[in-house]
C-alpha atoms as a PDB file:
ATOM      1  CA  UNK A   1     -21.565  50.388-108.164  1.00  0.00           C
ATOM      2  CA  UNK A   2     -24.961  50.355-106.412  1.00  0.00           C
ATOM      3  CA  UNK A   3     -27.819  48.241-107.755  1.00  0.00           C
ATOM      4  CA  UNK A   4     -31.235  49.415-106.580  1.00  0.00           C
ATOM      5  CA  UNK A   5     -34.385  47.314-106.465  1.00  0.00           C
ATOM      6  CA  UNK A   6     -38.003  48.427-106.698  1.00  0.00           C
ATOM      7  CA  UNK A   7     -39.904  45.405-105.463  1.00  0.00           C
ATOM      8  CA  UNK A   8     -38.541  42.508-107.545  1.00  0.00           C
ATOM      9  CA  UNK A   9     -37.236  44.711-110.369  1.00  0.00           C
ATOM     10  CA  UNK A  10     -33.768  46.179-110.856  1.00  0.00           C
ATOM     11  CA  UNK A  11     -34.054  49.896-111.603  1.00  0.00           C
ATOM     12  CA  UNK A  12     -30.320  50.416-112.182  1.00  0.00           C
ATOM     13  CA  UNK A  13     -28.711  50.141-115.607  1.00  0.00           C
ATOM     14  CA  UNK A  14     -26.295  47.221-115.391  1.00  0.00           C
ATOM     15  CA  UNK A  15     -22.807  47.064-116.932  1.00  0.00           C
ATOM     16  CA  UNK A  16     -21.984  44.302-119.450  1.00  0.00           C
ATOM     17  CA  UNK A  17     -20.470  41.964-116.845  1.00  0.00           C
ATOM     18  CA  UNK A  18     -23.779  41.820-114.926  1.00  0.00           C
ATOM     19  CA  UNK A  19     -27.142  40.513-116.095  1.00  0.00           C
ATOM     20  CA  UNK A  20     -30.516  40.225-114.373  1.00  0.00           C
ATOM     21  CA  UNK A  21     -33.126  37.808-115.667  1.00  0.00           C
ATOM     22  CA  UNK A  22     -36.060  36.068-113.991  1.00  0.00           C
ATOM     23  CA  UNK A  23     -34.913  36.974-110.487  1.00  0.00           C
ATOM     24  CA  UNK A  24     -31.270  35.984-111.008  1.00  0.00           C
ATOM     25  CA  UNK A  25     -28.373  38.431-110.935  1.00  0.00           C
ATOM     26  CA  UNK A  26     -25.477  36.805-112.794  1.00  0.00           C
ATOM     27  CA  UNK A  27     -21.856  37.884-112.472  1.00  0.00           C
ATOM     28  CA  UNK A  28     -19.731  36.699-115.370  1.00  0.00           C
ATOM     29  CA  UNK A  29     -16.882  34.252-114.847  1.00  0.00           C
ATOM     30  CA  UNK A  30     -13.197  35.134-114.435  1.00  0.00           C
ATOM     31  CA  UNK A  31     -14.123  38.642-113.285  1.00  0.00           C
ATOM     32  CA  UNK A  32     -12.198  40.604-110.658  1.00  0.00           C
ATOM     33  CA  UNK A  33     -14.090  43.490-109.033  1.00  0.00           C
ATOM     34  CA  UNK A  34     -11.879  45.720-106.883  1.00  0.00           C
ATOM     35  CA  UNK A  35     -14.817  47.806-105.586  1.00  0.00           C
ATOM     36  CA  UNK A  36     -17.782  46.302-103.722  1.00  0.00           C
ATOM     37  CA  UNK A  37     -20.976  45.658-105.604  1.00  0.00           C
ATOM     38  CA  UNK A  38     -23.727  47.196-103.431  1.00  0.00           C
ATOM     39  CA  UNK A  39     -27.236  45.747-103.713  1.00  0.00           C
ATOM     40  CA  UNK A  40     -29.795  47.980-102.007  1.00  0.00           C
ATOM     41  CA  UNK A  41     -33.270  46.674-101.099  1.00  0.00           C
ATOM     42  CA  UNK A  42     -35.719  49.255 -99.720  1.00  0.00           C
ATOM     43  CA  UNK A  43     -39.083  47.706-100.713  1.00  0.00           C
ATOM     44  CA  UNK A  44     -40.786  44.364-100.035  1.00  0.00           C
ATOM     45  CA  UNK A  45     -39.865  41.515-102.406  1.00  0.00           C
ATOM     46  CA  UNK A  46     -42.466  38.927-103.416  1.00  0.00           C
ATOM     47  CA  UNK A  47     -40.069  36.321-104.823  1.00  0.00           C
ATOM     48  CA  UNK A  48     -36.601  34.946-104.066  1.00  0.00           C
ATOM     49  CA  UNK A  49     -33.582  36.878-105.309  1.00  0.00           C
ATOM     50  CA  UNK A  50     -30.616  34.851-106.542  1.00  0.00           C
ATOM     51  CA  UNK A  51     -26.994  35.761-107.195  1.00  0.00           C
ATOM     52  CA  UNK A  52     -24.881  33.534-109.452  1.00  0.00           C
ATOM     53  CA  UNK A  53     -21.134  34.200-109.335  1.00  0.00           C
ATOM     54  CA  UNK A  54     -19.377  32.770-112.378  1.00  0.00           C
ATOM     55  CA  UNK A  55     -16.439  30.392-112.207  1.00  0.00           C
ATOM     56  CA  UNK A  56     -13.088  31.914-111.293  1.00  0.00           C
ATOM     57  CA  UNK A  57     -14.423  35.343-110.291  1.00  0.00           C
ATOM     58  CA  UNK A  58     -13.195  37.391-107.323  1.00  0.00           C
ATOM     59  CA  UNK A  59     -15.859  39.813-106.087  1.00  0.00           C
ATOM     60  CA  UNK A  60     -17.026  41.828-103.082  1.00  0.00           C
ATOM     61  CA  UNK A  61     -20.742  42.212-102.424  1.00  0.00           C
ATOM     62  CA  UNK A  62     -22.702  44.295 -99.903  1.00  0.00           C
ATOM     63  CA  UNK A  63     -26.406  43.419 -99.665  1.00  0.00           C
ATOM     64  CA  UNK A  64     -28.303  46.029 -97.645  1.00  0.00           C
ATOM     65  CA  UNK A  65     -31.946  45.697 -96.589  1.00  0.00           C
ATOM     66  CA  UNK A  66     -33.174  49.046 -95.241  1.00  0.00           C
ATOM     67  CA  UNK A  67     -36.923  49.455 -94.927  1.00  0.00           C
ATOM     68  CA  UNK A  68     -40.051  49.518 -92.764  1.00  0.00           C
ATOM     69  CA  UNK A  69     -41.739  46.109 -92.612  1.00  0.00           C
ATOM     70  CA  UNK A  70     -45.493  46.471 -92.145  1.00  0.00           C
ATOM     71  CA  UNK A  71     -46.853  42.967 -92.796  1.00  0.00           C
ATOM     72  CA  UNK A  72     -44.133  40.655 -91.484  1.00  0.00           C
ATOM     73  CA  UNK A  73     -42.369  40.840 -94.846  1.00  0.00           C
ATOM     74  CA  UNK A  74     -40.311  37.863 -96.008  1.00  0.00           C
ATOM     75  CA  UNK A  75     -36.977  38.126 -97.790  1.00  0.00           C
ATOM     76  CA  UNK A  76     -35.333  35.160 -99.511  1.00  0.00           C
ATOM     77  CA  UNK A  77     -31.861  35.283-101.013  1.00  0.00           C
ATOM     78  CA  UNK A  78     -29.699  32.623-102.637  1.00  0.00           C
ATOM     79  CA  UNK A  79     -26.053  32.878-103.710  1.00  0.00           C
ATOM     80  CA  UNK A  80     -24.201  30.280-105.768  1.00  0.00           C
ATOM     81  CA  UNK A  81     -20.414  30.463-105.807  1.00  0.00           C
ATOM     82  CA  UNK A  82     -19.215  28.452-108.765  1.00  0.00           C
ATOM     83  CA  UNK A  83     -15.862  26.656-108.810  1.00  0.00           C
ATOM     84  CA  UNK A  84     -12.715  28.595-107.874  1.00  0.00           C
ATOM     85  CA  UNK A  85     -14.553  31.766-106.890  1.00  0.00           C
ATOM     86  CA  UNK A  86     -13.524  34.090-104.065  1.00  0.00           C
ATOM     87  CA  UNK A  87     -16.355  36.092-102.514  1.00  0.00           C
ATOM     88  CA  UNK A  88     -16.333  38.653 -99.715  1.00  0.00           C
ATOM     89  CA  UNK A  89     -19.897  39.321 -98.676  1.00  0.00           C
ATOM     90  CA  UNK A  90     -21.587  41.609 -96.165  1.00  0.00           C
ATOM     91  CA  UNK A  91     -25.289  41.206 -95.414  1.00  0.00           C
ATOM     92  CA  UNK A  92     -26.797  44.228 -93.644  1.00  0.00           C
ATOM     93  CA  UNK A  93     -30.260  43.918 -92.108  1.00  0.00           C
ATOM     94  CA  UNK A  94     -31.748  47.191 -90.833  1.00  0.00           C
ATOM     95  CA  UNK A  95     -35.483  46.493 -90.813  1.00  0.00           C
ATOM     96  CA  UNK A  96     -38.073  48.184 -88.617  1.00  0.00           C
ATOM     97  CA  UNK A  97     -41.210  46.231 -87.737  1.00  0.00           C
ATOM     98  CA  UNK A  98     -41.443  42.429 -88.078  1.00  0.00           C
ATOM     99  CA  UNK A  99     -39.689  40.487 -90.816  1.00  0.00           C
ATOM    100  CA  UNK A 100     -38.384  37.068 -91.826  1.00  0.00           C
ATOM    101  CA  UNK A 101     -35.102  36.721 -93.694  1.00  0.00           C
ATOM    102  CA  UNK A 102     -33.537  33.606 -95.203  1.00  0.00           C
ATOM    103  CA  UNK A 103     -30.214  33.515 -97.058  1.00  0.00           C
ATOM    104  CA  UNK A 104     -28.679  30.382 -98.552  1.00  0.00           C
ATOM    105  CA  UNK A 105     -25.077  30.263 -99.792  1.00  0.00           C
ATOM    106  CA  UNK A 106     -23.703  27.363-101.844  1.00  0.00           C
ATOM    107  CA  UNK A 107     -20.061  26.728-102.696  1.00  0.00           C
ATOM    108  CA  UNK A 108     -18.782  24.494-105.471  1.00  0.00           C
ATOM    109  CA  UNK A 109     -15.240  23.077-105.789  1.00  0.00           C
ATOM    110  CA  UNK A 110     -12.548  25.294-104.222  1.00  0.00           C
ATOM    111  CA  UNK A 111     -14.971  28.178-103.712  1.00  0.00           C
ATOM    112  CA  UNK A 112     -13.979  30.531-100.891  1.00  0.00           C
ATOM    113  CA  UNK A 113     -16.852  32.315 -99.099  1.00  0.00           C
ATOM    114  CA  UNK A 114     -15.921  35.065 -96.641  1.00  0.00           C
ATOM    115  CA  UNK A 115     -19.312  35.988 -95.157  1.00  0.00           C
ATOM    116  CA  UNK A 116     -20.430  38.586 -92.615  1.00  0.00           C
ATOM    117  CA  UNK A 117     -23.948  39.194 -91.345  1.00  0.00           C
ATOM    118  CA  UNK A 118     -24.784  42.429 -89.502  1.00  0.00           C
ATOM    119  CA  UNK A 119     -28.239  42.416 -87.899  1.00  0.00           C
ATOM    120  CA  UNK A 120     -29.716  45.600 -86.446  1.00  0.00           C
ATOM    121  CA  UNK A 121     -33.423  45.004 -86.981  1.00  0.00           C
ATOM    122  CA  UNK A 122     -36.415  45.353 -84.665  1.00  0.00           C
ATOM    123  CA  UNK A 123     -38.340  42.047 -84.738  1.00  0.00           C
ATOM    124  CA  UNK A 124     -36.445  39.614 -86.940  1.00  0.00           C
ATOM    125  CA  UNK A 125     -36.312  35.889 -87.546  1.00  0.00           C
ATOM    126  CA  UNK A 126     -33.297  35.234 -89.770  1.00  0.00           C
ATOM    127  CA  UNK A 127     -31.418  32.221 -91.088  1.00  0.00           C
ATOM    128  CA  UNK A 128     -28.030  31.996 -92.795  1.00  0.00           C
ATOM    129  CA  UNK A 129     -27.324  28.609 -94.372  1.00  0.00           C
ATOM    130  CA  UNK A 130     -24.100  27.595 -96.122  1.00  0.00           C
ATOM    131  CA  UNK A 131     -23.848  24.404 -98.187  1.00  0.00           C
ATOM    132  CA  UNK A 132     -20.307  23.255 -98.995  1.00  0.00           C
ATOM    133  CA  UNK A 133     -21.145  21.162-102.025  1.00  0.00           C
ATOM    134  CA  UNK A 134     -17.802  20.017-103.424  1.00  0.00           C
ATOM    135  CA  UNK A 135     -14.245  19.289-102.288  1.00  0.00           C
ATOM    136  CA  UNK A 136     -12.142  22.277-101.356  1.00  0.00           C
ATOM    137  CA  UNK A 137     -15.132  24.534-100.662  1.00  0.00           C
ATOM    138  CA  UNK A 138     -14.660  26.642 -97.556  1.00  0.00           C
ATOM    139  CA  UNK A 139     -16.403  29.378 -95.623  1.00  0.00           C
ATOM    140  CA  UNK A 140     -15.566  31.766 -92.833  1.00  0.00           C
ATOM    141  CA  UNK A 141     -18.847  33.132 -91.519  1.00  0.00           C
ATOM    142  CA  UNK A 142     -19.216  35.830 -88.880  1.00  0.00           C
ATOM    143  CA  UNK A 143     -22.509  37.278 -87.698  1.00  0.00           C
ATOM    144  CA  UNK A 144     -23.174  40.076 -85.229  1.00  0.00           C
ATOM    145  CA  UNK A 145     -26.645  40.939 -83.950  1.00  0.00           C
ATOM    146  CA  UNK A 146     -27.275  44.093 -81.925  1.00  0.00           C
ATOM    147  CA  UNK A 147     -30.608  44.648 -80.161  1.00  0.00           C
ATOM    148  CA  UNK A 148     -31.703  47.630 -78.092  1.00  0.00           C
ATOM    149  CA  UNK A 149     -34.990  48.682 -76.445  1.00  0.00           C
ATOM    150  CA  UNK A 150     -37.855  46.372 -77.452  1.00  0.00           C
ATOM    151  CA  UNK A 151     -35.923  44.590 -80.196  1.00  0.00           C
ATOM    152  CA  UNK A 152     -36.037  40.810 -80.547  1.00  0.00           C
ATOM    153  CA  UNK A 153     -33.813  39.032 -83.061  1.00  0.00           C
ATOM    154  CA  UNK A 154     -33.461  35.281 -83.568  1.00  0.00           C
ATOM    155  CA  UNK A 155     -30.549  34.300 -85.806  1.00  0.00           C
ATOM    156  CA  UNK A 156     -30.051  30.713 -87.038  1.00  0.00           C
ATOM    157  CA  UNK A 157     -26.692  29.952 -88.643  1.00  0.00           C
ATOM    158  CA  UNK A 158     -26.113  26.580 -90.347  1.00  0.00           C
ATOM    159  CA  UNK A 159     -23.071  25.246 -92.208  1.00  0.00           C
ATOM    160  CA  UNK A 160     -23.455  21.839 -93.865  1.00  0.00           C
ATOM    161  CA  UNK A 161     -20.495  19.846 -95.176  1.00  0.00           C
ATOM    162  CA  UNK A 162     -21.741  17.897 -98.176  1.00  0.00           C
ATOM    163  CA  UNK A 163     -18.297  16.973 -99.535  1.00  0.00           C
ATOM    164  CA  UNK A 164     -14.910  15.762 -98.314  1.00  0.00           C
ATOM    165  CA  UNK A 165     -12.043  18.157 -97.545  1.00  0.00           C
ATOM    166  CA  UNK A 166     -14.270  21.133 -96.772  1.00  0.00           C
ATOM    167  CA  UNK A 167     -13.750  23.826 -94.139  1.00  0.00           C
ATOM    168  CA  UNK A 168     -16.266  25.820 -92.123  1.00  0.00           C
ATOM    169  CA  UNK A 169     -15.645  28.292 -89.310  1.00  0.00           C
ATOM    170  CA  UNK A 170     -18.429  30.399 -87.782  1.00  0.00           C
ATOM    171  CA  UNK A 171     -18.302  33.134 -85.145  1.00  0.00           C
ATOM    172  CA  UNK A 172     -21.655  34.481 -83.930  1.00  0.00           C
ATOM    173  CA  UNK A 173     -21.891  37.416 -81.516  1.00  0.00           C
ATOM    174  CA  UNK A 174     -24.995  38.888 -79.876  1.00  0.00           C
ATOM    175  CA  UNK A 175     -24.998  42.264 -78.116  1.00  0.00           C
ATOM    176  CA  UNK A 176     -28.165  43.228 -76.214  1.00  0.00           C
ATOM    177  CA  UNK A 177     -28.712  46.663 -74.659  1.00  0.00           C
ATOM    178  CA  UNK A 178     -31.645  48.031 -72.610  1.00  0.00           C
ATOM    179  CA  UNK A 179     -34.547  45.553 -73.054  1.00  0.00           C
ATOM    180  CA  UNK A 180     -33.202  44.002 -76.248  1.00  0.00           C
ATOM    181  CA  UNK A 181     -33.314  40.256 -76.843  1.00  0.00           C
ATOM    182  CA  UNK A 182     -31.140  38.030 -79.043  1.00  0.00           C
ATOM    183  CA  UNK A 183     -31.093  34.278 -79.665  1.00  0.00           C
ATOM    184  CA  UNK A 184     -28.162  32.818 -81.602  1.00  0.00           C
ATOM    185  CA  UNK A 185     -28.375  29.235 -82.838  1.00  0.00           C
ATOM    186  CA  UNK A 186     -25.167  27.985 -84.439  1.00  0.00           C
ATOM    187  CA  UNK A 187     -25.298  24.578 -86.126  1.00  0.00           C
ATOM    188  CA  UNK A 188     -22.562  22.879 -88.133  1.00  0.00           C
ATOM    189  CA  UNK A 189     -23.217  19.508 -89.730  1.00  0.00           C
ATOM    190  CA  UNK A 190     -20.777  17.033 -91.274  1.00  0.00           C
ATOM    191  CA  UNK A 191     -22.645  14.428 -93.273  1.00  0.00           C
ATOM    192  CA  UNK A 192     -21.671  10.750 -93.316  1.00  0.00           C
ATOM    193  CA  UNK A 193     -18.675   9.946 -95.497  1.00  0.00           C
ATOM    194  CA  UNK A 194     -17.398  13.544 -95.690  1.00  0.00           C
ATOM    195  CA  UNK A 195     -13.904  12.701 -94.489  1.00  0.00           C
ATOM    196  CA  UNK A 196     -11.339  15.330 -93.442  1.00  0.00           C
ATOM    197  CA  UNK A 197     -13.936  18.046 -93.138  1.00  0.00           C
ATOM    198  CA  UNK A 198     -13.219  20.783 -90.591  1.00  0.00           C
ATOM    199  CA  UNK A 199     -15.986  22.403 -88.544  1.00  0.00           C
ATOM    200  CA  UNK A 200     -15.468  25.067 -85.900  1.00  0.00           C
ATOM    201  CA  UNK A 201     -17.806  27.473 -84.178  1.00  0.00           C
ATOM    202  CA  UNK A 202     -17.754  30.154 -81.498  1.00  0.00           C
ATOM    203  CA  UNK A 203     -20.807  31.873 -80.006  1.00  0.00           C
ATOM    204  CA  UNK A 204     -20.566  34.883 -77.697  1.00  0.00           C
ATOM    205  CA  UNK A 205     -23.150  37.027 -75.946  1.00  0.00           C
ATOM    206  CA  UNK A 206     -22.733  40.451 -74.326  1.00  0.00           C
ATOM    207  CA  UNK A 207     -25.430  41.752 -71.972  1.00  0.00           C
ATOM    208  CA  UNK A 208     -25.334  45.513 -71.429  1.00  0.00           C
ATOM    209  CA  UNK A 209     -28.232  45.930 -68.977  1.00  0.00           C
ATOM    210  CA  UNK A 210     -30.216  43.940 -66.417  1.00  0.00           C
ATOM    211  CA  UNK A 211     -33.244  43.948 -68.730  1.00  0.00           C
ATOM    212  CA  UNK A 212     -31.381  42.595 -71.763  1.00  0.00           C
ATOM    213  CA  UNK A 213     -31.378  38.926 -72.788  1.00  0.00           C
ATOM    214  CA  UNK A 214     -28.961  36.865 -74.887  1.00  0.00           C
ATOM    215  CA  UNK A 215     -29.216  33.124 -75.535  1.00  0.00           C
ATOM    216  CA  UNK A 216     -26.556  31.173 -77.470  1.00  0.00           C
ATOM    217  CA  UNK A 217     -26.860  27.571 -78.629  1.00  0.00           C
ATOM    218  CA  UNK A 218     -23.823  25.924 -80.292  1.00  0.00           C
ATOM    219  CA  UNK A 219     -24.576  22.567 -81.948  1.00  0.00           C
ATOM    220  CA  UNK A 220     -22.321  20.135 -83.819  1.00  0.00           C
ATOM    221  CA  UNK A 221     -23.917  17.285 -85.798  1.00  0.00           C
ATOM    222  CA  UNK A 222     -21.191  14.903 -86.951  1.00  0.00           C
ATOM    223  CA  UNK A 223     -21.818  11.631 -88.815  1.00  0.00           C
ATOM    224  CA  UNK A 224     -18.169  10.916 -89.702  1.00  0.00           C
ATOM    225  CA  UNK A 225     -15.062   9.999 -87.670  1.00  0.00           C
ATOM    226  CA  UNK A 226     -12.190  11.299 -89.803  1.00  0.00           C
ATOM    227  CA  UNK A 227     -12.857  14.996 -89.187  1.00  0.00           C
ATOM    228  CA  UNK A 228     -11.808  17.933 -87.001  1.00  0.00           C
ATOM    229  CA  UNK A 229     -14.437  19.879 -85.077  1.00  0.00           C
ATOM    230  CA  UNK A 230     -14.842  22.092 -82.032  1.00  0.00           C
ATOM    231  CA  UNK A 231     -17.200  24.638 -80.519  1.00  0.00           C
ATOM    232  CA  UNK A 232     -17.598  26.967 -77.560  1.00  0.00           C
ATOM    233  CA  UNK A 233     -19.990  29.537 -76.110  1.00  0.00           C
ATOM    234  CA  UNK A 234     -19.800  32.366 -73.557  1.00  0.00           C
ATOM    235  CA  UNK A 235     -22.248  34.966 -72.219  1.00  0.00           C
ATOM    236  CA  UNK A 236     -21.419  37.839 -69.886  1.00  0.00           C
ATOM    237  CA  UNK A 237     -21.695  41.502 -69.003  1.00  0.00           C
ATOM    238  CA  UNK A 238     -19.179  44.254 -69.693  1.00  0.00           C
ATOM    239  CA  UNK A 239     -16.539  44.290 -66.980  1.00  0.00           C
ATOM    240  CA  UNK A 240     -17.401  47.062 -64.504  1.00  0.00           C
ATOM    241  CA  UNK A 241     -13.753  47.677 -63.612  1.00  0.00           C
ATOM    242  CA  UNK A 242     -12.923  48.306 -67.264  1.00  0.00           C
ATOM    243  CA  UNK A 243     -15.769  50.806 -67.545  1.00  0.00           C
ATOM    244  CA  UNK A 244     -14.729  52.541 -64.326  1.00  0.00           C
ATOM    245  CA  UNK A 245     -11.150  52.889 -65.560  1.00  0.00           C
ATOM    246  CA  UNK A 246     -12.200  54.332 -68.923  1.00  0.00           C
ATOM    247  CA  UNK A 247     -14.599  56.797 -67.298  1.00  0.00           C
ATOM    248  CA  UNK A 248     -11.849  57.884 -64.905  1.00  0.00           C
ATOM    249  CA  UNK A 249      -9.899  58.858 -68.046  1.00  0.00           C
ATOM    250  CA  UNK A 250     -12.657  61.239 -69.130  1.00  0.00           C
ATOM    251  CA  UNK A 251     -14.918  59.076 -71.260  1.00  0.00           C
ATOM    252  CA  UNK A 252     -18.685  59.105 -70.816  1.00  0.00           C
ATOM    253  CA  UNK A 253     -20.386  55.827 -69.934  1.00  0.00           C
ATOM    254  CA  UNK A 254     -21.617  55.417 -73.521  1.00  0.00           C
ATOM    255  CA  UNK A 255     -18.172  56.143 -74.963  1.00  0.00           C
ATOM    256  CA  UNK A 256     -16.615  53.639 -72.558  1.00  0.00           C
ATOM    257  CA  UNK A 257     -19.142  50.939 -73.487  1.00  0.00           C
ATOM    258  CA  UNK A 258     -18.556  51.513 -77.185  1.00  0.00           C
ATOM    259  CA  UNK A 259     -14.797  51.263 -76.735  1.00  0.00           C
ATOM    260  CA  UNK A 260     -15.099  47.970 -74.846  1.00  0.00           C
ATOM    261  CA  UNK A 261     -17.574  46.511 -77.359  1.00  0.00           C
ATOM    262  CA  UNK A 262     -15.416  47.483 -80.331  1.00  0.00           C
ATOM    263  CA  UNK A 263     -12.447  45.877 -78.613  1.00  0.00           C
ATOM    264  CA  UNK A 264     -14.509  42.737 -78.132  1.00  0.00           C
ATOM    265  CA  UNK A 265     -15.380  42.760 -81.846  1.00  0.00           C
ATOM    266  CA  UNK A 266     -11.808  43.368 -82.992  1.00  0.00           C
ATOM    267  CA  UNK A 267     -11.204  39.734 -84.010  1.00  0.00           C
ATOM    268  CA  UNK A 268     -14.128  40.099 -86.442  1.00  0.00           C
ATOM    269  CA  UNK A 269     -13.353  43.662 -87.515  1.00  0.00           C
ATOM    270  CA  UNK A 270      -9.664  42.982 -88.163  1.00  0.00           C
ATOM    271  CA  UNK A 271     -10.559  40.101 -90.484  1.00  0.00           C
ATOM    272  CA  UNK A 272     -12.454  42.480 -92.792  1.00  0.00           C
ATOM    273  CA  UNK A 273      -9.689  43.626 -95.113  1.00  0.00           C
ATOM    274  CA  UNK A 274     -11.961  45.672 -97.365  1.00  0.00           C
ATOM    275  CA  UNK A 275     -12.250  49.246 -96.006  1.00  0.00           C
ATOM    276  CA  UNK A 276     -15.772  49.926 -97.326  1.00  0.00           C
ATOM    277  CA  UNK A 277     -17.203  46.737 -95.849  1.00  0.00           C
ATOM    278  CA  UNK A 278     -15.351  47.244 -92.543  1.00  0.00           C
ATOM    279  CA  UNK A 279     -16.534  50.842 -92.085  1.00  0.00           C
ATOM    280  CA  UNK A 280     -20.153  49.952 -92.863  1.00  0.00           C
ATOM    281  CA  UNK A 281     -20.060  47.063 -90.404  1.00  0.00           C
ATOM    282  CA  UNK A 282     -18.620  49.170 -87.552  1.00  0.00           C
ATOM    283  CA  UNK A 283     -21.154  51.958 -88.157  1.00  0.00           C
ATOM    284  CA  UNK A 284     -24.079  49.538 -87.859  1.00  0.00           C
ATOM    285  CA  UNK A 285     -22.859  48.162 -84.530  1.00  0.00           C
ATOM    286  CA  UNK A 286     -22.168  51.562 -83.011  1.00  0.00           C
ATOM    287  CA  UNK A 287     -25.615  52.887 -83.914  1.00  0.00           C
ATOM    288  CA  UNK A 288     -27.218  50.430 -81.500  1.00  0.00           C
ATOM    289  CA  UNK A 289     -24.888  50.490 -78.483  1.00  0.00           C
END
């Protein structure tokens, strides 16, 4: 179902397994939702919006922000995954004008957070923060930012291990076309005493024109010895030989670039096993390249 907001108010009649009170959308425990729950935001919000997923639930959520920002609007979101939850989550940011966006995710014991951020906004400063609060909590976080002419997006991604035996893996990709600009900051922190935590990160940048700019900054902050961690970063242009070959087979330059970019994104796309979330994600990327 689709839940629509007007400012800070839900204007959609909610089913019995969902409640909204004082800015908190609660999903009851031990609930399995086969279809994605779509939350659509098209107006400025003046207060933080929170999602509370009850213990033992298995849900899919798509949060879409589609609007014109006129006064550097701020959006704050918070999701709590209670113990033994499984959450597949797509955040879509399609904002014109200037905006600030902050989203915090928290996972309790054995919570599994499968998170994707798709950023196709004009002038955006965004942060995605994941707190692994208890043992067994894990997250796989992938973010893709696409900027075209005159767009500037700065995306900060942070995973913090606040318990032992936690797992975090982030992949952040920036694709800049024409005069677009993207900065990706990926930070993963293992706090002192959080033994046998696992922290991995990959940052990649694709530059599609001489005027485009991509900056990637991978950072590991580790205060414990008994852990596993690794990171890497690459930035480059689309291979000219690959484009030449595809165009020799009858594709236009734009079609060839899209084919190469989608191939580059395949490791992210193939991990999205929900068809609705996967199709929405691919559509957003292709609109900008």
